[in-house]
Every structure is written in structure tokens, then in C-alpha cells.
Amino acid sequence: TELNAGPAPASVVWFGHSSYLVRSKGYAVLVDPVLCGYAGPFPMMMEAFRGSDAYLPDDLPRIDLLVITHDHYDHLDYETVLALKKKIKKIIVPAGVGSHFVFWGFDPSSVMELGWNETAVMSDNVRITAVPSQHLSGRGQFRDATLWASFVLKIHGRTLFIGGDGGYGRHFREIGNAYGPFDLALLENGRYSSRWTTAHMLPEEAVKAAIDLRARIIMPVHWAKFESRNHPWNEPVRRLLREANRRSVRVTVPMIGEAYPVGAPERRAAWWEPD
């Protein structure tokens, strides 16, 4: 029911980690789907927590637009996209990432690659722009042969920031000035470490990025589905909420699989806390 809502205002259903479905007036945008129960080149690598992998590719509706932010295994999953192949109409990826889809047998005409600050017009009411992020890419032994990006999605009068992965930098303020304000920013918040802040934000930096973006409300992603060796699974949301409260930044944290209508009051029931 959550995935097949009617022509309501834009809503987001989060599948855990960085996978989510944006629906608006019958148009469906799927971002970085990993729905196979693990996030690596082989099963048993980075397995999903029990109960966090409830949705399967068969549960998803027709996908008007698949968006991939970069080609790391926890954002581009071969098994998932292959299972969705017949449902996907168009694919938007950063430069170079399209080669994976062509190799996997997708119609090259359905795949569009974007460089930073390039825009694709999908319809009169849907357009998407690739914007800079501070990250890296690669699968297996191939490193940084493809681009990584965040995206600005304008859909039926709403503006969403699709954050991808990346460290904090001045690019957030530049994106906010050029494309903001944002009705909702989906921002990375998890699997971080003080050793690699250039590639992944700390929770406090995600709040700072939201302020720079001029986001009306943020939804933290990139957490809750796969174990991290660097921090407890629920530490990211605890730290982010503490900093957001201190800086008066609005945050919504719906449960995995719960539809959040853009513009609705925050979802703040602390489902991540032990009973």
C-alpha cells in the first residue's frame, strides 16, 4: 500500500541505507536500490539486519526513473537492478556509471549519464540535475573510473536534494545558493569514521550541510540496514538529532517502509531506541 499510493503530493518511502522511492502524482523515482539482503559483491558480505530487508524488487511499482548516485556496491546492486529491469523506463547516472548497465544488457537508449551541473528534463514537471559531491567510486579492483554525484530533483513543484555519499565541504553552500531552498534533503548519516571525513560526513556535519543547503527538513539515510564496525547501528540518528535540536534544524525519521509525505510534520517516534 505504501508503495502504490495514488496521485497524492510527493512522498518518500525509505528502504534502509540509501535506498528509497519518491512518488509524486503517479511518477516514481527509485534511488540506489539494494534489495537483495546484502551490500557487497558476494552474499554474506555486509548482510542486512533481520527485519530491515522486508521489500523485494517484486514489491516495487513501475519505475519511471532509476537514479544511481555512484557505483559502490551499497548503492548499485547488480542483483536488484537486474530483477527490476522490466520495470525501469529511464536511468540517470553520473558519467561513466552507465557502462555497468550496458554491460548488464540494459538498452543503452534508456541510460543517461550526467556530469556535475548537467540537467535532464524528464517531463514538463520532472527534471533532475547532477551536482558535486566529495566522494569516490569503484567496484572490485577498479577505482575512481566513474563519477559520483548528488542530485537535485524538481518534481511537481517540489525540490528534493538526493544526497548520495560524500564528505562535508563548501559545495553544499554553493548548491544551496544555486538550487535551494529544498523542501526535503536526504542526507548521508552513517558508516562514518573520523579517519575518512573527506569521503563521509559525521552526523554533526550532516546538520551543517542541511543549513548550507537551505533545507526545510532533512531525512537521514545511509544507516539502519547494514552493520558498521565504526559505530553502533543507532548512533548516527542519536548524534544527528542532538545536533539538529541544538541548531533548530527540522528532521524526519520515518521507519523503514513508512511513506513520508513531503511537507508533512516530522516523524520522530524513536523506533531506533530499545524498549
Protein backbone atom coordinates (compact mmCIF):
# COMPACT_ATOMS: atom_id res chain seq x y z
CA THR A 1 0.00 0.00 0.00
CA GLU A 2 2.79 2.43 0.90
CA LEU A 3 4.48 1.79 -2.47
CA ASN A 4 1.38 2.06 -4.63
CA ALA A 5 -0.20 5.25 -3.34
CA GLY A 6 -2.40 7.25 -5.69
CA PRO A 7 -1.80 10.71 -7.17
CA ALA A 8 -1.00 12.38 -3.83
CA PRO A 9 1.68 15.02 -3.21
CA ALA A 10 5.30 13.86 -3.30
CA SER A 11 6.17 11.18 -0.74
CA VAL A 12 9.26 9.17 0.12
CA VAL A 13 9.45 5.53 1.21
CA TRP A 14 12.83 4.62 2.68
CA PHE A 15 14.07 1.03 2.39
CA GLY A 16 17.01 1.44 4.75
CA HIS A 17 20.56 2.56 3.99
CA SER A 18 20.44 4.82 0.89
CA SER A 19 17.57 3.15 -0.96
CA TYR A 20 14.26 4.99 -1.29
CA LEU A 21 11.31 5.55 -3.58
CA VAL A 22 9.97 9.02 -4.40
CA ARG A 23 6.40 9.11 -5.73
CA SER A 24 4.51 12.15 -6.97
CA LYS A 25 1.27 12.19 -8.95
CA GLY A 26 1.90 8.72 -10.32
CA TYR A 27 5.57 9.33 -11.22
CA ALA A 28 8.06 7.03 -9.46
CA VAL A 29 11.76 7.76 -8.86
CA LEU A 30 13.85 4.99 -7.29
CA VAL A 31 17.25 5.86 -5.77
CA ASP A 32 20.19 3.50 -5.15
CA PRO A 33 18.14 0.30 -4.61
CA VAL A 34 19.83 -2.53 -2.70
CA LEU A 35 17.08 -5.08 -2.02
CA CYS A 36 18.96 -8.37 -2.06
CA GLY A 37 19.74 -8.69 1.67
CA TYR A 38 23.41 -7.77 1.44
CA ALA A 39 25.61 -4.99 0.06
CA GLY A 40 28.70 -6.48 -1.50
CA PRO A 41 29.95 -8.46 -4.48
CA PHE A 42 29.06 -11.76 -2.75
CA PRO A 43 26.32 -12.97 -0.39
CA MET A 44 27.26 -12.94 3.32
CA MET A 45 29.10 -9.63 2.83
CA MET A 46 27.51 -6.71 4.69
CA GLU A 47 24.27 -8.55 5.40
CA ALA A 48 21.14 -6.59 6.23
CA PHE A 49 19.86 -6.65 9.80
CA ARG A 50 16.96 -9.02 10.37
CA GLY A 51 13.70 -7.23 9.60
CA SER A 52 15.31 -4.38 7.67
CA ASP A 53 15.01 -6.03 4.27
CA ALA A 54 11.26 -6.52 4.05
CA TYR A 55 10.80 -5.20 0.50
CA LEU A 56 11.85 -7.15 -2.58
CA PRO A 57 12.08 -5.98 -6.21
CA ASP A 58 8.75 -7.69 -6.96
CA ASP A 59 7.06 -5.38 -4.43
CA LEU A 60 8.02 -2.21 -6.30
CA PRO A 61 5.77 -0.47 -8.84
CA ARG A 62 6.79 0.60 -12.34
CA ILE A 63 9.88 2.82 -12.08
CA ASP A 64 9.75 5.88 -14.30
CA LEU A 65 13.26 6.92 -13.31
CA LEU A 66 16.07 4.99 -11.62
CA VAL A 67 18.76 7.24 -10.12
CA ILE A 68 22.18 5.90 -9.09
CA THR A 69 24.48 8.27 -7.18
CA HIS A 70 27.66 6.20 -7.64
CA ASP A 71 28.74 2.65 -8.30
CA HIS A 72 29.77 1.35 -4.86
CA TYR A 73 28.12 -1.97 -4.06
CA ASP A 74 25.92 -0.50 -1.32
CA HIS A 75 24.38 1.90 -3.89
CA LEU A 76 24.44 -0.05 -7.15
CA ASP A 77 23.42 -3.67 -6.72
CA TYR A 78 23.54 -5.94 -9.77
CA GLU A 79 21.01 -8.45 -8.44
CA THR A 80 18.45 -5.77 -7.59
CA VAL A 81 18.64 -3.74 -10.80
CA LEU A 82 18.53 -6.90 -12.90
CA ALA A 83 15.37 -8.02 -11.08
CA LEU A 84 13.86 -4.58 -11.77
CA LYS A 85 14.95 -4.44 -15.41
CA LYS A 86 11.48 -4.84 -16.94
CA LYS A 87 10.00 -2.20 -14.61
CA ILE A 88 12.55 0.55 -15.30
CA LYS A 89 11.82 3.11 -18.02
CA LYS A 90 14.76 5.53 -17.72
CA ILE A 91 18.05 5.58 -15.80
CA ILE A 92 20.10 8.60 -14.69
CA VAL A 93 23.68 8.05 -13.51
CA PRO A 94 26.90 10.04 -13.11
CA ALA A 95 29.35 9.97 -16.02
CA GLY A 96 30.80 6.51 -16.63
CA VAL A 97 28.34 4.57 -14.48
CA GLY A 98 26.14 3.84 -17.50
CA SER A 99 28.74 1.36 -18.74
CA HIS A 100 27.69 -1.07 -15.99
CA PHE A 101 24.09 -1.06 -17.22
CA VAL A 102 25.07 -1.51 -20.85
CA PHE A 103 27.32 -4.44 -19.87
CA TRP A 104 24.41 -5.96 -17.93
CA GLY A 105 22.19 -5.87 -21.01
CA PHE A 106 20.11 -2.73 -20.48
CA ASP A 107 19.05 -0.78 -23.55
CA PRO A 108 21.69 1.98 -23.97
CA SER A 109 18.96 4.41 -25.06
CA SER A 110 17.36 4.12 -21.62
CA VAL A 111 20.53 5.24 -19.82
CA MET A 112 21.59 8.88 -19.50
CA GLU A 113 24.87 9.96 -17.94
CA LEU A 114 25.26 13.40 -16.38
CA GLY A 115 28.31 15.40 -15.39
CA TRP A 116 28.13 17.82 -12.49
CA ASN A 117 25.66 20.67 -13.05
CA GLU A 118 24.13 18.98 -16.08
CA THR A 119 20.34 18.65 -16.20
CA ALA A 120 17.99 16.09 -17.71
CA VAL A 121 14.39 17.11 -18.40
CA MET A 122 12.23 14.03 -17.93
CA SER A 123 8.86 15.73 -18.46
CA ASP A 124 7.21 19.13 -18.09
CA ASN A 125 7.09 18.58 -14.32
CA VAL A 126 10.18 16.47 -13.61
CA ARG A 127 13.80 17.50 -14.05
CA ILE A 128 16.98 16.29 -12.41
CA THR A 129 20.42 17.88 -12.11
CA ALA A 130 23.68 16.21 -11.08
CA VAL A 131 25.63 18.30 -8.56
CA PRO A 132 29.07 17.91 -6.97
CA SER A 133 29.85 15.67 -4.04
CA GLN A 134 33.11 14.86 -2.29
CA HIS A 135 33.42 11.10 -2.51
CA LEU A 136 34.95 8.31 -4.64
CA SER A 137 33.79 5.36 -6.73
CA GLY A 138 34.73 1.87 -7.79
CA ARG A 139 33.81 -1.80 -7.88
CA GLY A 140 36.31 -4.58 -7.28
CA GLN A 141 39.77 -3.62 -8.46
CA PHE A 142 38.56 -0.62 -10.49
CA ARG A 143 38.84 2.65 -8.57
CA ASP A 144 37.58 6.11 -9.47
CA ALA A 145 36.98 5.26 -13.14
CA THR A 146 33.45 6.66 -12.85
CA LEU A 147 31.96 9.84 -11.43
CA TRP A 148 29.94 10.20 -8.22
CA ALA A 149 27.28 12.82 -7.63
CA SER A 150 24.36 14.13 -5.63
CA PHE A 151 21.20 15.22 -7.45
CA VAL A 152 18.64 17.99 -7.36
CA LEU A 153 15.20 16.58 -8.17
CA LYS A 154 12.44 19.02 -9.12
CA ILE A 155 9.14 17.19 -9.26
CA HIS A 156 5.65 18.74 -9.50
CA GLY A 157 6.68 21.93 -7.74
CA ARG A 158 8.78 20.28 -5.03
CA THR A 159 12.58 20.41 -4.81
CA LEU A 160 14.43 17.48 -3.24
CA PHE A 161 18.13 17.01 -2.56
CA ILE A 162 19.25 13.44 -3.28
CA GLY A 163 22.44 13.41 -1.28
CA GLY A 164 24.43 10.34 -2.29
CA ASP A 165 27.63 9.88 -0.27
CA GLY A 166 30.32 12.42 0.46
CA GLY A 167 32.26 14.46 2.97
CA TYR A 168 31.34 17.94 4.09
CA GLY A 169 32.60 20.88 2.01
CA ARG A 170 31.75 24.28 0.61
CA HIS A 171 29.85 22.64 -2.26
CA PHE A 172 26.78 22.34 -0.03
CA ARG A 173 26.53 26.10 0.33
CA GLU A 174 27.10 26.54 -3.41
CA ILE A 175 24.33 24.03 -4.19
CA GLY A 176 22.01 25.71 -1.72
CA ASN A 177 22.63 29.10 -3.30
CA ALA A 178 22.18 27.77 -6.84
CA TYR A 179 19.24 25.38 -6.40
CA GLY A 180 17.73 25.87 -2.93
CA PRO A 181 15.79 26.11 -0.83
CA PHE A 182 14.95 22.42 -0.66
CA ASP A 183 11.63 21.05 0.53
CA LEU A 184 13.46 17.91 1.70
CA ALA A 185 17.13 16.91 1.82
CA LEU A 186 18.02 13.22 2.02
CA LEU A 187 21.47 13.27 3.58
CA GLU A 188 24.06 10.62 4.33
CA ASN A 189 24.31 9.83 8.03
CA GLY A 190 26.10 6.60 8.82
CA ARG A 191 29.11 4.33 8.24
CA TYR A 192 31.34 7.29 9.06
CA SER A 193 34.70 7.48 10.80
CA SER A 194 36.94 10.31 11.97
CA ARG A 195 39.60 8.73 9.72
CA TRP A 196 37.74 9.44 6.46
CA THR A 197 35.68 12.59 6.90
CA THR A 198 36.70 13.70 3.40
CA ALA A 199 34.53 10.88 1.99
CA HIS A 200 31.74 10.57 4.59
CA MET A 201 30.13 13.19 6.82
CA LEU A 202 29.88 12.93 10.57
CA PRO A 203 26.30 13.40 11.86
CA GLU A 204 27.06 16.92 13.05
CA GLU A 205 28.35 17.78 9.59
CA ALA A 206 25.14 16.50 8.01
CA VAL A 207 23.25 19.09 10.06
CA LYS A 208 25.66 21.77 8.89
CA ALA A 209 25.14 20.61 5.28
CA ALA A 210 21.36 20.91 5.71
CA ILE A 211 21.76 24.51 6.87
CA ASP A 212 24.02 25.27 3.90
CA LEU A 213 21.52 23.70 1.51
CA ARG A 214 18.68 25.76 2.99
CA ALA A 215 16.70 22.57 3.54
CA ARG A 216 13.32 22.94 5.21
CA ILE A 217 13.62 19.44 6.68
CA ILE A 218 16.12 16.60 6.38
CA MET A 219 15.78 12.82 6.32
CA PRO A 220 18.91 10.90 7.38
CA VAL A 221 19.81 7.90 5.20
CA HIS A 222 22.85 5.59 4.80
CA TRP A 223 22.18 3.94 8.16
CA ALA A 224 19.98 1.33 9.95
CA LYS A 225 20.22 -1.51 7.44
CA PHE A 226 23.81 -2.76 7.44
CA GLU A 227 26.24 -3.13 10.33
CA SER A 228 29.11 -0.68 10.68
CA ARG A 229 32.32 -1.56 12.50
CA ASN A 230 32.87 2.08 13.34
CA HIS A 231 29.82 2.84 15.48
CA PRO A 232 26.65 1.28 16.98
CA TRP A 233 23.85 1.00 14.46
CA ASN A 234 21.67 3.69 16.08
CA GLU A 235 24.44 6.14 16.99
CA PRO A 236 24.10 8.16 13.73
CA VAL A 237 20.49 9.19 14.36
CA ARG A 238 21.12 9.93 18.05
CA ARG A 239 24.03 12.23 17.23
CA LEU A 240 22.24 13.91 14.33
CA LEU A 241 19.10 14.64 16.37
CA ARG A 242 21.12 16.04 19.24
CA GLU A 243 22.90 18.46 16.91
CA ALA A 244 19.75 19.26 14.94
CA ASN A 245 17.89 20.13 18.14
CA ARG A 246 20.77 22.37 19.22
CA ARG A 247 20.71 24.22 15.88
CA SER A 248 16.91 24.21 15.38
CA VAL A 249 17.03 22.08 12.23
CA ARG A 250 13.93 20.00 11.43
CA VAL A 251 14.49 16.25 10.98
CA THR A 252 12.10 13.48 10.00
CA VAL A 253 12.96 9.86 10.73
CA PRO A 254 10.24 7.56 9.37
CA MET A 255 10.55 3.84 9.89
CA ILE A 256 11.88 1.69 7.08
CA GLY A 257 8.96 1.13 4.69
CA GLU A 258 6.87 4.03 6.03
CA ALA A 259 5.74 6.65 3.50
CA TYR A 260 6.64 10.22 4.44
CA PRO A 261 4.70 12.92 2.53
CA VAL A 262 6.98 15.85 1.70
CA GLY A 263 5.88 18.85 3.72
CA ALA A 264 4.22 16.78 6.47
CA PRO A 265 5.14 17.15 10.17
CA GLU A 266 8.29 15.39 11.30
CA ARG A 267 8.22 11.68 12.07
CA ARG A 268 10.12 11.48 15.34
CA ALA A 269 8.86 8.35 17.13
CA ALA A 270 12.11 6.87 18.48
CA TRP A 271 11.75 3.42 16.92
CA TRP A 272 15.56 3.02 16.97
CA GLU A 273 15.67 3.05 20.78
CA PRO A 274 15.43 -0.19 22.80
CA ASP A 275 12.12 -0.81 24.56
